[in-house]
Amino acid sequence: MYSQKAKPTTKSIRLDAGCNFSNNGRKKAGQACFKKKGDRVWIRDTARDGMRIEVRGSVNSHGTPGYRCYGNYKGGWQICNFDRKMAEGHVFLWYVNKWKGNKLKGTSDEKMMTTS
């Protein structure tokens, strides 16, 4: 699995069909977006609840290679760049997870996007 800690950015992203959300009750706990140009994952933790937000996904039906992008509450939007790791023209199946320590506390619906 390719695992990458997201790097802070001062840029923001337009929320669109390439984005997904993880909820914490009625509130959003985290947001993530996949932009196929550059195969970048944008991630943002939106709740001060002691949990971290991660994006996990894969580019084929066997689950390998897997991709993991994780961030923290500080810093707003953060980016993982998988441009040199993801195969071109494949489907990236991904979802947003909430973790508390090493325990999974929630997951979003799956999203499918084509890599480029």
PDB file of N, CA and C in Angstrom:
ATOM      1  N   MET A   1       0.841  -1.174   0.000  1.00  0.00           N
ATOM      2  CA  MET A   1       0.000   0.000   0.000  1.00  0.00           C
ATOM      3  C   MET A   1       0.887   1.238   0.000  1.00  0.00           C
ATOM      4  N   TYR A   2       0.549   2.186  -0.872  1.00  0.00           N
ATOM      5  CA  TYR A   2       1.229   3.466  -0.873  1.00  0.00           C
ATOM      6  C   TYR A   2       0.545   4.337   0.171  1.00  0.00           C
ATOM      7  N   SER A   3       1.297   4.739   1.182  1.00  0.00           N
ATOM      8  CA  SER A   3       0.759   5.544   2.264  1.00  0.00           C
ATOM      9  C   SER A   3       1.479   6.881   2.278  1.00  0.00           C
ATOM     10  N   GLN A   4       0.703   7.954   2.395  1.00  0.00           N
ATOM     11  CA  GLN A   4       1.301   9.283   2.331  1.00  0.00           C
ATOM     12  C   GLN A   4       0.604  10.216   3.315  1.00  0.00           C
ATOM     13  N   LYS A   5       1.405  10.947   4.100  1.00  0.00           N
ATOM     14  CA  LYS A   5       0.849  11.983   4.956  1.00  0.00           C
ATOM     15  C   LYS A   5       0.596  13.200   4.081  1.00  0.00           C
ATOM     16  N   ALA A   6      -0.597  13.734   4.170  1.00  0.00           N
ATOM     17  CA  ALA A   6      -0.981  14.886   3.350  1.00  0.00           C
ATOM     18  C   ALA A   6      -0.162  16.113   3.732  1.00  0.00           C
ATOM     19  N   LYS A   7       0.173  16.895   2.718  1.00  0.00           N
ATOM     20  CA  LYS A   7       0.924  18.124   2.935  1.00  0.00           C
ATOM     21  C   LYS A   7      -0.022  19.315   2.937  1.00  0.00           C
ATOM     22  N   PRO A   8       0.166  20.239   3.877  1.00  0.00           N
ATOM     23  CA  PRO A   8      -0.698  21.423   3.944  1.00  0.00           C
ATOM     24  C   PRO A   8      -0.602  22.266   2.678  1.00  0.00           C
ATOM     25  N   THR A   9      -1.704  22.938   2.352  1.00  0.00           N
ATOM     26  CA  THR A   9      -1.731  23.860   1.229  1.00  0.00           C
ATOM     27  C   THR A   9      -2.559  25.077   1.623  1.00  0.00           C
ATOM     28  N   THR A  10      -2.253  26.197   1.036  1.00  0.00           N
ATOM     29  CA  THR A  10      -3.057  27.397   1.272  1.00  0.00           C
ATOM     30  C   THR A  10      -4.190  27.487   0.256  1.00  0.00           C
ATOM     31  N   LYS A  11      -4.184  26.596  -0.733  1.00  0.00           N
ATOM     32  CA  LYS A  11      -5.234  26.580  -1.749  1.00  0.00           C
ATOM     33  C   LYS A  11      -6.463  25.868  -1.215  1.00  0.00           C
ATOM     34  N   SER A  12      -7.588  26.139  -1.824  1.00  0.00           N
ATOM     35  CA  SER A  12      -8.813  25.408  -1.498  1.00  0.00           C
ATOM     36  C   SER A  12      -9.327  24.790  -2.791  1.00  0.00           C
ATOM     37  N   ILE A  13     -10.282  23.918  -2.661  1.00  0.00           N
ATOM     38  CA  ILE A  13     -10.778  23.171  -3.807  1.00  0.00           C
ATOM     39  C   ILE A  13     -12.280  23.361  -3.925  1.00  0.00           C
ATOM     40  N   ARG A  14     -12.769  23.369  -5.158  1.00  0.00           N
ATOM     41  CA  ARG A  14     -14.212  23.454  -5.380  1.00  0.00           C
ATOM     42  C   ARG A  14     -14.826  22.084  -5.103  1.00  0.00           C
ATOM     43  N   LEU A  15     -15.806  22.042  -4.229  1.00  0.00           N
ATOM     44  CA  LEU A  15     -16.488  20.784  -3.928  1.00  0.00           C
ATOM     45  C   LEU A  15     -17.400  20.439  -5.090  1.00  0.00           C
ATOM     46  N   ASP A  16     -17.223  19.233  -5.645  1.00  0.00           N
ATOM     47  CA  ASP A  16     -18.004  18.809  -6.796  1.00  0.00           C
ATOM     48  C   ASP A  16     -18.241  17.302  -6.721  1.00  0.00           C
ATOM     49  N   ALA A  17     -18.576  16.677  -7.843  1.00  0.00           N
ATOM     50  CA  ALA A  17     -18.881  15.244  -7.878  1.00  0.00           C
ATOM     51  C   ALA A  17     -17.665  14.381  -7.561  1.00  0.00           C
ATOM     52  N   GLY A  18     -16.466  14.949  -7.591  1.00  0.00           N
ATOM     53  CA  GLY A  18     -15.257  14.210  -7.253  1.00  0.00           C
ATOM     54  C   GLY A  18     -14.934  14.234  -5.777  1.00  0.00           C
ATOM     55  N   CYS A  19     -15.897  14.676  -4.969  1.00  0.00           N
ATOM     56  CA  CYS A  19     -15.674  14.783  -3.528  1.00  0.00           C
ATOM     57  C   CYS A  19     -16.558  13.809  -2.762  1.00  0.00           C
ATOM     58  N   ASN A  20     -16.138  13.511  -1.545  1.00  0.00           N
ATOM     59  CA  ASN A  20     -16.841  12.574  -0.690  1.00  0.00           C
ATOM     60  C   ASN A  20     -16.741  13.080   0.745  1.00  0.00           C
ATOM     61  N   PHE A  21     -17.637  12.622   1.613  1.00  0.00           N
ATOM     62  CA  PHE A  21     -17.724  13.145   2.970  1.00  0.00           C
ATOM     63  C   PHE A  21     -17.880  12.010   3.976  1.00  0.00           C
ATOM     64  N   SER A  22     -17.334  12.215   5.147  1.00  0.00           N
ATOM     65  CA  SER A  22     -17.548  11.322   6.276  1.00  0.00           C
ATOM     66  C   SER A  22     -18.266  12.137   7.344  1.00  0.00           C
ATOM     67  N   ASN A  23     -19.302  11.564   7.907  1.00  0.00           N
ATOM     68  CA  ASN A  23     -20.107  12.295   8.883  1.00  0.00           C
ATOM     69  C   ASN A  23     -19.822  11.849  10.303  1.00  0.00           C
ATOM     70  N   ASN A  24     -20.095  12.759  11.218  1.00  0.00           N
ATOM     71  CA  ASN A  24     -19.988  12.508  12.644  1.00  0.00           C
ATOM     72  C   ASN A  24     -21.349  12.893  13.227  1.00  0.00           C
ATOM     73  N   GLY A  25     -22.296  11.958  13.149  1.00  0.00           N
ATOM     74  CA  GLY A  25     -23.665  12.294  13.484  1.00  0.00           C
ATOM     75  C   GLY A  25     -24.251  13.126  12.364  1.00  0.00           C
ATOM     76  N   ARG A  26     -24.743  14.303  12.668  1.00  0.00           N
ATOM     77  CA  ARG A  26     -25.328  15.189  11.656  1.00  0.00           C
ATOM     78  C   ARG A  26     -24.315  16.117  11.006  1.00  0.00           C
ATOM     79  N   LYS A  27     -23.124  16.197  11.584  1.00  0.00           N
ATOM     80  CA  LYS A  27     -22.106  17.115  11.076  1.00  0.00           C
ATOM     81  C   LYS A  27     -21.071  16.366  10.246  1.00  0.00           C
ATOM     82  N   LYS A  28     -20.466  17.088   9.304  1.00  0.00           N
ATOM     83  CA  LYS A  28     -19.374  16.509   8.527  1.00  0.00           C
ATOM     84  C   LYS A  28     -18.133  16.410   9.398  1.00  0.00           C
ATOM     85  N   ALA A  29     -17.518  15.236   9.410  1.00  0.00           N
ATOM     86  CA  ALA A  29     -16.276  15.034  10.160  1.00  0.00           C
ATOM     87  C   ALA A  29     -15.072  15.236   9.270  1.00  0.00           C
ATOM     88  N   GLY A  30     -15.254  14.982   7.974  1.00  0.00           N
ATOM     89  CA  GLY A  30     -14.145  15.130   7.052  1.00  0.00           C
ATOM     90  C   GLY A  30     -14.609  15.187   5.613  1.00  0.00           C
ATOM     91  N   GLN A  31     -13.804  15.793   4.787  1.00  0.00           N
ATOM     92  CA  GLN A  31     -14.085  15.911   3.362  1.00  0.00           C
ATOM     93  C   GLN A  31     -12.850  15.463   2.603  1.00  0.00           C
ATOM     94  N   ALA A  32     -13.076  14.899   1.433  1.00  0.00           N
ATOM     95  CA  ALA A  32     -11.968  14.528   0.561  1.00  0.00           C
ATOM     96  C   ALA A  32     -12.417  14.656  -0.879  1.00  0.00           C
ATOM     97  N   CYS A  33     -11.484  14.989  -1.731  1.00  0.00           N
ATOM     98  CA  CYS A  33     -11.755  15.105  -3.162  1.00  0.00           C
ATOM     99  C   CYS A  33     -10.618  14.450  -3.921  1.00  0.00           C
ATOM    100  N   PHE A  34     -10.947  13.816  -5.039  1.00  0.00           N
ATOM    101  CA  PHE A  34      -9.936  13.246  -5.926  1.00  0.00           C
ATOM    102  C   PHE A  34      -9.971  14.019  -7.230  1.00  0.00           C
ATOM    103  N   LYS A  35      -8.832  14.512  -7.623  1.00  0.00           N
ATOM    104  CA  LYS A  35      -8.697  15.228  -8.887  1.00  0.00           C
ATOM    105  C   LYS A  35      -7.793  14.408  -9.788  1.00  0.00           C
ATOM    106  N   LYS A  36      -8.379  13.934 -10.889  1.00  0.00           N
ATOM    107  CA  LYS A  36      -7.627  13.031 -11.751  1.00  0.00           C
ATOM    108  C   LYS A  36      -6.445  13.699 -12.439  1.00  0.00           C
ATOM    109  N   LYS A  37      -6.522  14.995 -12.688  1.00  0.00           N
ATOM    110  CA  LYS A  37      -5.361  15.680 -13.264  1.00  0.00           C
ATOM    111  C   LYS A  37      -4.280  15.736 -12.187  1.00  0.00           C
ATOM    112  N   GLY A  38      -3.279  14.917 -12.330  1.00  0.00           N
ATOM    113  CA  GLY A  38      -2.216  14.834 -11.337  1.00  0.00           C
ATOM    114  C   GLY A  38      -2.449  13.776 -10.285  1.00  0.00           C
ATOM    115  N   ASP A  39      -3.583  13.070 -10.343  1.00  0.00           N
ATOM    116  CA  ASP A  39      -3.908  12.005  -9.375  1.00  0.00           C
ATOM    117  C   ASP A  39      -3.648  12.462  -7.939  1.00  0.00           C
ATOM    118  N   ARG A  40      -4.318  13.542  -7.587  1.00  0.00           N
ATOM    119  CA  ARG A  40      -4.146  14.120  -6.254  1.00  0.00           C
ATOM    120  C   ARG A  40      -5.390  13.904  -5.398  1.00  0.00           C
ATOM    121  N   VAL A  41      -5.142  13.621  -4.119  1.00  0.00           N
ATOM    122  CA  VAL A  41      -6.206  13.492  -3.133  1.00  0.00           C
ATOM    123  C   VAL A  41      -6.126  14.712  -2.226  1.00  0.00           C
ATOM    124  N   TRP A  42      -7.240  15.421  -2.128  1.00  0.00           N
ATOM    125  CA  TRP A  42      -7.363  16.555  -1.215  1.00  0.00           C
ATOM    126  C   TRP A  42      -8.144  16.053  -0.008  1.00  0.00           C
ATOM    127  N   ILE A  43      -7.689  16.403   1.187  1.00  0.00           N
ATOM    128  CA  ILE A  43      -8.325  15.905   2.399  1.00  0.00           C
ATOM    129  C   ILE A  43      -8.419  17.029   3.429  1.00  0.00           C
ATOM    130  N   ARG A  44      -9.531  17.033   4.175  1.00  0.00           N
ATOM    131  CA  ARG A  44      -9.706  18.054   5.219  1.00  0.00           C
ATOM    132  C   ARG A  44     -10.516  17.463   6.362  1.00  0.00           C
ATOM    133  N   ASP A  45      -9.950  17.540   7.547  1.00  0.00           N
ATOM    134  CA  ASP A  45     -10.640  17.131   8.771  1.00  0.00           C
ATOM    135  C   ASP A  45     -11.427  18.347   9.252  1.00  0.00           C
ATOM    136  N   THR A  46     -12.735  18.200   9.436  1.00  0.00           N
ATOM    137  CA  THR A  46     -13.568  19.360   9.763  1.00  0.00           C
ATOM    138  C   THR A  46     -14.135  19.337  11.182  1.00  0.00           C
ATOM    139  N   ALA A  47     -13.751  18.348  11.996  1.00  0.00           N
ATOM    140  CA  ALA A  47     -14.308  18.257  13.354  1.00  0.00           C
ATOM    141  C   ALA A  47     -13.196  18.070  14.381  1.00  0.00           C
ATOM    142  N   ARG A  48     -13.271  18.827  15.441  1.00  0.00           N
ATOM    143  CA  ARG A  48     -12.323  18.664  16.549  1.00  0.00           C
ATOM    144  C   ARG A  48     -12.865  17.584  17.480  1.00  0.00           C
ATOM    145  N   ASP A  49     -12.754  16.338  17.026  1.00  0.00           N
ATOM    146  CA  ASP A  49     -13.330  15.237  17.782  1.00  0.00           C
ATOM    147  C   ASP A  49     -12.303  14.175  18.172  1.00  0.00           C
ATOM    148  N   GLY A  50     -11.023  14.451  17.970  1.00  0.00           N
ATOM    149  CA  GLY A  50      -9.973  13.504  18.321  1.00  0.00           C
ATOM    150  C   GLY A  50      -9.789  12.376  17.318  1.00  0.00           C
ATOM    151  N   MET A  51     -10.508  12.414  16.223  1.00  0.00           N
ATOM    152  CA  MET A  51     -10.364  11.390  15.192  1.00  0.00           C
ATOM    153  C   MET A  51      -9.583  11.964  14.021  1.00  0.00           C
ATOM    154  N   ARG A  52      -8.973  11.076  13.256  1.00  0.00           N
ATOM    155  CA  ARG A  52      -8.284  11.525  12.048  1.00  0.00           C
ATOM    156  C   ARG A  52      -9.050  11.025  10.829  1.00  0.00           C
ATOM    157  N   ILE A  53      -8.893  11.742   9.753  1.00  0.00           N
ATOM    158  CA  ILE A  53      -9.555  11.418   8.491  1.00  0.00           C
ATOM    159  C   ILE A  53      -8.517  10.832   7.538  1.00  0.00           C
ATOM    160  N   GLU A  54      -8.922   9.768   6.852  1.00  0.00           N
ATOM    161  CA  GLU A  54      -8.060   9.139   5.853  1.00  0.00           C
ATOM    162  C   GLU A  54      -8.870   8.845   4.603  1.00  0.00           C
ATOM    163  N   VAL A  55      -8.199   8.852   3.480  1.00  0.00           N
ATOM    164  CA  VAL A  55      -8.766   8.327   2.238  1.00  0.00           C
ATOM    165  C   VAL A  55      -8.027   7.032   1.954  1.00  0.00           C
ATOM    166  N   ARG A  56      -8.793   5.993   1.669  1.00  0.00           N
ATOM    167  CA  ARG A  56      -8.208   4.717   1.263  1.00  0.00           C
ATOM    168  C   ARG A  56      -8.879   4.271  -0.017  1.00  0.00           C
ATOM    169  N   GLY A  57      -8.109   3.643  -0.883  1.00  0.00           N
ATOM    170  CA  GLY A  57      -8.678   3.176  -2.133  1.00  0.00           C
ATOM    171  C   GLY A  57      -7.712   2.285  -2.888  1.00  0.00           C
ATOM    172  N   SER A  58      -8.177   1.808  -4.035  1.00  0.00           N
ATOM    173  CA  SER A  58      -7.347   0.965  -4.888  1.00  0.00           C
ATOM    174  C   SER A  58      -7.713   1.223  -6.350  1.00  0.00           C
ATOM    175  N   VAL A  59      -6.865   0.734  -7.255  1.00  0.00           N
ATOM    176  CA  VAL A  59      -7.105   0.944  -8.677  1.00  0.00           C
ATOM    177  C   VAL A  59      -7.455  -0.340  -9.425  1.00  0.00           C
ATOM    178  N   ASN A  60      -7.685  -1.441  -8.716  1.00  0.00           N
ATOM    179  CA  ASN A  60      -8.147  -2.647  -9.391  1.00  0.00           C
ATOM    180  C   ASN A  60      -8.997  -3.496  -8.465  1.00  0.00           C
ATOM    181  N   SER A  61      -9.621  -4.521  -8.984  1.00  0.00           N
ATOM    182  CA  SER A  61     -10.578  -5.312  -8.213  1.00  0.00           C
ATOM    183  C   SER A  61      -9.928  -6.174  -7.141  1.00  0.00           C
ATOM    184  N   HIS A  62      -8.632  -6.352  -7.175  1.00  0.00           N
ATOM    185  CA  HIS A  62      -7.954  -7.171  -6.170  1.00  0.00           C
ATOM    186  C   HIS A  62      -7.492  -6.349  -4.969  1.00  0.00           C
ATOM    187  N   GLY A  63      -7.698  -5.055  -5.010  1.00  0.00           N
ATOM    188  CA  GLY A  63      -7.348  -4.197  -3.885  1.00  0.00           C
ATOM    189  C   GLY A  63      -5.887  -3.786  -3.831  1.00  0.00           C
ATOM    190  N   THR A  64      -5.088  -4.168  -4.831  1.00  0.00           N
ATOM    191  CA  THR A  64      -3.695  -3.764  -4.835  1.00  0.00           C
ATOM    192  C   THR A  64      -3.355  -3.127  -6.170  1.00  0.00           C
ATOM    193  N   PRO A  65      -2.565  -2.152  -6.282  1.00  0.00           N
ATOM    194  CA  PRO A  65      -1.997  -1.517  -5.101  1.00  0.00           C
ATOM    195  C   PRO A  65      -3.028  -0.643  -4.400  1.00  0.00           C
ATOM    196  N   GLY A  66      -2.898  -0.556  -3.104  1.00  0.00           N
ATOM    197  CA  GLY A  66      -3.776   0.292  -2.318  1.00  0.00           C
ATOM    198  C   GLY A  66      -3.140   1.652  -2.105  1.00  0.00           C
ATOM    199  N   TYR A  67      -3.972   2.625  -1.803  1.00  0.00           N
ATOM    200  CA  TYR A  67      -3.517   3.988  -1.563  1.00  0.00           C
ATOM    201  C   TYR A  67      -4.137   4.491  -0.274  1.00  0.00           C
ATOM    202  N   ARG A  68      -3.335   5.201   0.513  1.00  0.00           N
ATOM    203  CA  ARG A  68      -3.800   5.767   1.779  1.00  0.00           C
ATOM    204  C   ARG A  68      -3.261   7.184   1.885  1.00  0.00           C
ATOM    205  N   CYS A  69      -4.159   8.114   2.133  1.00  0.00           N
ATOM    206  CA  CYS A  69      -3.800   9.514   2.349  1.00  0.00           C
ATOM    207  C   CYS A  69      -4.382   9.911   3.696  1.00  0.00           C
ATOM    208  N   TYR A  70      -3.545  10.384   4.597  1.00  0.00           N
ATOM    209  CA  TYR A  70      -4.037  10.761   5.919  1.00  0.00           C
ATOM    210  C   TYR A  70      -3.542  12.149   6.286  1.00  0.00           C
ATOM    211  N   GLY A  71      -4.348  12.833   7.063  1.00  0.00           N
ATOM    212  CA  GLY A  71      -4.012  14.182   7.487  1.00  0.00           C
ATOM    213  C   GLY A  71      -4.271  14.353   8.967  1.00  0.00           C
ATOM    214  N   ASN A  72      -4.395  15.608   9.377  1.00  0.00           N
ATOM    215  CA  ASN A  72      -4.752  15.906  10.757  1.00  0.00           C
ATOM    216  C   ASN A  72      -5.666  17.121  10.779  1.00  0.00           C
ATOM    217  N   TYR A  73      -6.160  17.470  11.946  1.00  0.00           N
ATOM    218  CA  TYR A  73      -7.122  18.569  12.048  1.00  0.00           C
ATOM    219  C   TYR A  73      -6.507  19.913  11.696  1.00  0.00           C
ATOM    220  N   LYS A  74      -5.266  20.099  12.023  1.00  0.00           N
ATOM    221  CA  LYS A  74      -4.612  21.383  11.789  1.00  0.00           C
ATOM    222  C   LYS A  74      -4.358  21.614  10.308  1.00  0.00           C
ATOM    223  N   GLY A  75      -4.569  22.831   9.859  1.00  0.00           N
ATOM    224  CA  GLY A  75      -4.107  23.185   8.532  1.00  0.00           C
ATOM    225  C   GLY A  75      -5.126  23.230   7.421  1.00  0.00           C
ATOM    226  N   GLY A  76      -6.376  22.950   7.663  1.00  0.00           N
ATOM    227  CA  GLY A  76      -7.364  23.023   6.588  1.00  0.00           C
ATOM    228  C   GLY A  76      -7.120  21.963   5.528  1.00  0.00           C
ATOM    229  N   TRP A  77      -7.216  22.361   4.260  1.00  0.00           N
ATOM    230  CA  TRP A  77      -7.006  21.415   3.161  1.00  0.00           C
ATOM    231  C   TRP A  77      -5.556  20.961   3.117  1.00  0.00           C
ATOM    232  N   GLN A  78      -5.379  19.674   2.834  1.00  0.00           N
ATOM    233  CA  GLN A  78      -4.067  19.069   2.688  1.00  0.00           C
ATOM    234  C   GLN A  78      -4.107  18.177   1.443  1.00  0.00           C
ATOM    235  N   ILE A  79      -2.949  17.913   0.845  1.00  0.00           N
ATOM    236  CA  ILE A  79      -2.906  17.192  -0.425  1.00  0.00           C
ATOM    237  C   ILE A  79      -1.920  16.023  -0.375  1.00  0.00           C
ATOM    238  N   CYS A  80      -2.337  14.898  -0.970  1.00  0.00           N
ATOM    239  CA  CYS A  80      -1.445  13.777  -1.264  1.00  0.00           C
ATOM    240  C   CYS A  80      -1.328  13.685  -2.777  1.00  0.00           C
ATOM    241  N   ASN A  81      -0.119  13.511  -3.257  1.00  0.00           N
ATOM    242  CA  ASN A  81       0.133  13.451  -4.690  1.00  0.00           C
ATOM    243  C   ASN A  81       0.562  12.032  -5.059  1.00  0.00           C
ATOM    244  N   PHE A  82      -0.308  11.311  -5.767  1.00  0.00           N
ATOM    245  CA  PHE A  82      -0.011   9.950  -6.201  1.00  0.00           C
ATOM    246  C   PHE A  82       0.261   9.883  -7.707  1.00  0.00           C
ATOM    247  N   ASP A  83       0.633  10.998  -8.305  1.00  0.00           N
ATOM    248  CA  ASP A  83       0.798  11.081  -9.757  1.00  0.00           C
ATOM    249  C   ASP A  83       1.781  10.049 -10.305  1.00  0.00           C
ATOM    250  N   ARG A  84       2.866   9.825  -9.659  1.00  0.00           N
ATOM    251  CA  ARG A  84       3.869   8.871 -10.144  1.00  0.00           C
ATOM    252  C   ARG A  84       3.600   7.452  -9.660  1.00  0.00           C
ATOM    253  N   LYS A  85       2.563   7.261  -8.857  1.00  0.00           N
ATOM    254  CA  LYS A  85       2.256   5.941  -8.304  1.00  0.00           C
ATOM    255  C   LYS A  85       1.053   5.282  -8.971  1.00  0.00           C
ATOM    256  N   MET A  86       0.057   6.071  -9.370  1.00  0.00           N
ATOM    257  CA  MET A  86      -1.181   5.516  -9.932  1.00  0.00           C
ATOM    258  C   MET A  86      -1.044   5.272 -11.428  1.00  0.00           C
ATOM    259  N   ALA A  87      -1.545   4.126 -11.860  1.00  0.00           N
ATOM    260  CA  ALA A  87      -1.568   3.807 -13.290  1.00  0.00           C
ATOM    261  C   ALA A  87      -2.569   4.720 -13.994  1.00  0.00           C
ATOM    262  N   GLU A  88      -2.259   5.083 -15.216  1.00  0.00           N
ATOM    263  CA  GLU A  88      -3.114   5.984 -15.997  1.00  0.00           C
ATOM    264  C   GLU A  88      -4.331   5.242 -16.564  1.00  0.00           C
ATOM    265  N   GLY A  89      -5.470   5.917 -16.602  1.00  0.00           N
ATOM    266  CA  GLY A  89      -6.670   5.387 -17.230  1.00  0.00           C
ATOM    267  C   GLY A  89      -7.325   4.227 -16.506  1.00  0.00           C
ATOM    268  N   HIS A  90      -7.104   4.107 -15.212  1.00  0.00           N
ATOM    269  CA  HIS A  90      -7.739   3.070 -14.410  1.00  0.00           C
ATOM    270  C   HIS A  90      -8.802   3.699 -13.514  1.00  0.00           C
ATOM    271  N   VAL A  91      -9.642   2.869 -12.943  1.00  0.00           N
ATOM    272  CA  VAL A  91     -10.658   3.354 -12.011  1.00  0.00           C
ATOM    273  C   VAL A  91     -10.086   3.322 -10.598  1.00  0.00           C
ATOM    274  N   PHE A  92     -10.163   4.450  -9.925  1.00  0.00           N
ATOM    275  CA  PHE A  92      -9.753   4.567  -8.524  1.00  0.00           C
ATOM    276  C   PHE A  92     -11.011   4.470  -7.681  1.00  0.00           C
ATOM    277  N   LEU A  93     -11.136   3.390  -6.923  1.00  0.00           N
ATOM    278  CA  LEU A  93     -12.263   3.167  -6.016  1.00  0.00           C
ATOM    279  C   LEU A  93     -11.797   3.594  -4.626  1.00  0.00           C
ATOM    280  N   TRP A  94     -12.471   4.584  -4.043  1.00  0.00           N
ATOM    281  CA  TRP A  94     -11.992   5.145  -2.776  1.00  0.00           C
ATOM    282  C   TRP A  94     -13.122   5.535  -1.843  1.00  0.00           C
ATOM    283  N   TYR A  95     -12.767   5.748  -0.582  1.00  0.00           N
ATOM    284  CA  TYR A  95     -13.727   6.154   0.448  1.00  0.00           C
ATOM    285  C   TYR A  95     -12.992   6.913   1.544  1.00  0.00           C
ATOM    286  N   VAL A  96     -13.756   7.623   2.371  1.00  0.00           N
ATOM    287  CA  VAL A  96     -13.210   8.423   3.463  1.00  0.00           C
ATOM    288  C   VAL A  96     -13.480   7.696   4.774  1.00  0.00           C
ATOM    289  N   ASN A  97     -12.446   7.514   5.584  1.00  0.00           N
ATOM    290  CA  ASN A  97     -12.572   6.848   6.884  1.00  0.00           C
ATOM    291  C   ASN A  97     -12.335   7.820   8.023  1.00  0.00           C
ATOM    292  N   LYS A  98     -12.961   7.522   9.167  1.00  0.00           N
ATOM    293  CA  LYS A  98     -12.664   8.200  10.434  1.00  0.00           C
ATOM    294  C   LYS A  98     -12.004   7.171  11.340  1.00  0.00           C
ATOM    295  N   TRP A  99     -10.887   7.536  11.947  1.00  0.00           N
ATOM    296  CA  TRP A  99     -10.153   6.647  12.844  1.00  0.00           C
ATOM    297  C   TRP A  99      -9.953   7.318  14.188  1.00  0.00           C
ATOM    298  N   LYS A 100     -10.063   6.544  15.244  1.00  0.00           N
ATOM    299  CA  LYS A 100      -9.682   6.988  16.588  1.00  0.00           C
ATOM    300  C   LYS A 100      -8.633   5.999  17.055  1.00  0.00           C
ATOM    301  N   GLY A 101      -7.382   6.458  17.086  1.00  0.00           N
ATOM    302  CA  GLY A 101      -6.276   5.536  17.352  1.00  0.00           C
ATOM    303  C   GLY A 101      -6.189   4.535  16.211  1.00  0.00           C
ATOM    304  N   ASN A 102      -6.247   3.249  16.544  1.00  0.00           N
ATOM    305  CA  ASN A 102      -6.203   2.225  15.508  1.00  0.00           C
ATOM    306  C   ASN A 102      -7.567   1.584  15.266  1.00  0.00           C
ATOM    307  N   LYS A 103      -8.625   2.261  15.693  1.00  0.00           N
ATOM    308  CA  LYS A 103      -9.981   1.733  15.520  1.00  0.00           C
ATOM    309  C   LYS A 103     -10.761   2.542  14.494  1.00  0.00           C
ATOM    310  N   LEU A 104     -11.308   1.842  13.516  1.00  0.00           N
ATOM    311  CA  LEU A 104     -12.144   2.466  12.504  1.00  0.00           C
ATOM    312  C   LEU A 104     -13.477   2.852  13.130  1.00  0.00           C
ATOM    313  N   LYS A 105     -13.850   4.124  13.004  1.00  0.00           N
ATOM    314  CA  LYS A 105     -15.082   4.625  13.619  1.00  0.00           C
ATOM    315  C   LYS A 105     -16.165   4.975  12.614  1.00  0.00           C
ATOM    316  N   GLY A 106     -15.850   4.956  11.333  1.00  0.00           N
ATOM    317  CA  GLY A 106     -16.863   5.261  10.329  1.00  0.00           C
ATOM    318  C   GLY A 106     -16.247   5.342   8.948  1.00  0.00           C
ATOM    319  N   THR A 107     -17.092   5.160   7.950  1.00  0.00           N
ATOM    320  CA  THR A 107     -16.631   5.243   6.570  1.00  0.00           C
ATOM    321  C   THR A 107     -17.722   5.833   5.692  1.00  0.00           C
ATOM    322  N   SER A 108     -17.323   6.458   4.625  1.00  0.00           N
ATOM    323  CA  SER A 108     -18.270   7.048   3.672  1.00  0.00           C
ATOM    324  C   SER A 108     -18.698   6.000   2.659  1.00  0.00           C
ATOM    325  N   ASP A 109     -19.583   6.394   1.783  1.00  0.00           N
ATOM    326  CA  ASP A 109     -19.895   5.570   0.616  1.00  0.00           C
ATOM    327  C   ASP A 109     -18.673   5.569  -0.298  1.00  0.00           C
ATOM    328  N   GLU A 110     -18.602   4.571  -1.167  1.00  0.00           N
ATOM    329  CA  GLU A 110     -17.495   4.486  -2.116  1.00  0.00           C
ATOM    330  C   GLU A 110     -17.688   5.460  -3.261  1.00  0.00           C
ATOM    331  N   LYS A 111     -16.585   5.907  -3.825  1.00  0.00           N
ATOM    332  CA  LYS A 111     -16.569   6.741  -5.018  1.00  0.00           C
ATOM    333  C   LYS A 111     -15.675   6.064  -6.051  1.00  0.00           C
ATOM    334  N   MET A 112     -16.004   6.241  -7.312  1.00  0.00           N
ATOM    335  CA  MET A 112     -15.159   5.735  -8.387  1.00  0.00           C
ATOM    336  C   MET A 112     -14.822   6.882  -9.328  1.00  0.00           C
ATOM    337  N   MET A 113     -13.532   7.055  -9.586  1.00  0.00           N
ATOM    338  CA  MET A 113     -13.047   8.108 -10.471  1.00  0.00           C
ATOM    339  C   MET A 113     -11.961   7.519 -11.359  1.00  0.00           C
ATOM    340  N   THR A 114     -11.843   8.020 -12.572  1.00  0.00           N
ATOM    341  CA  THR A 114     -10.805   7.561 -13.485  1.00  0.00           C
ATOM    342  C   THR A 114      -9.530   8.335 -13.262  1.00  0.00           C
ATOM    343  N   THR A 115      -8.396   7.622 -13.237  1.00  0.00           N
ATOM    344  CA  THR A 115      -7.094   8.265 -13.089  1.00  0.00           C
ATOM    345  C   THR A 115      -6.642   8.805 -14.449  1.00  0.00           C
ATOM    346  N   SER A 116      -5.700   9.736 -14.425  1.00  0.00           N
ATOM    347  CA  SER A 116      -5.148  10.235 -15.700  1.00  0.00           C
ATOM    348  C   SER A 116      -3.671  10.527 -15.556  1.00  0.00           C
TER     349      SER A 116
END
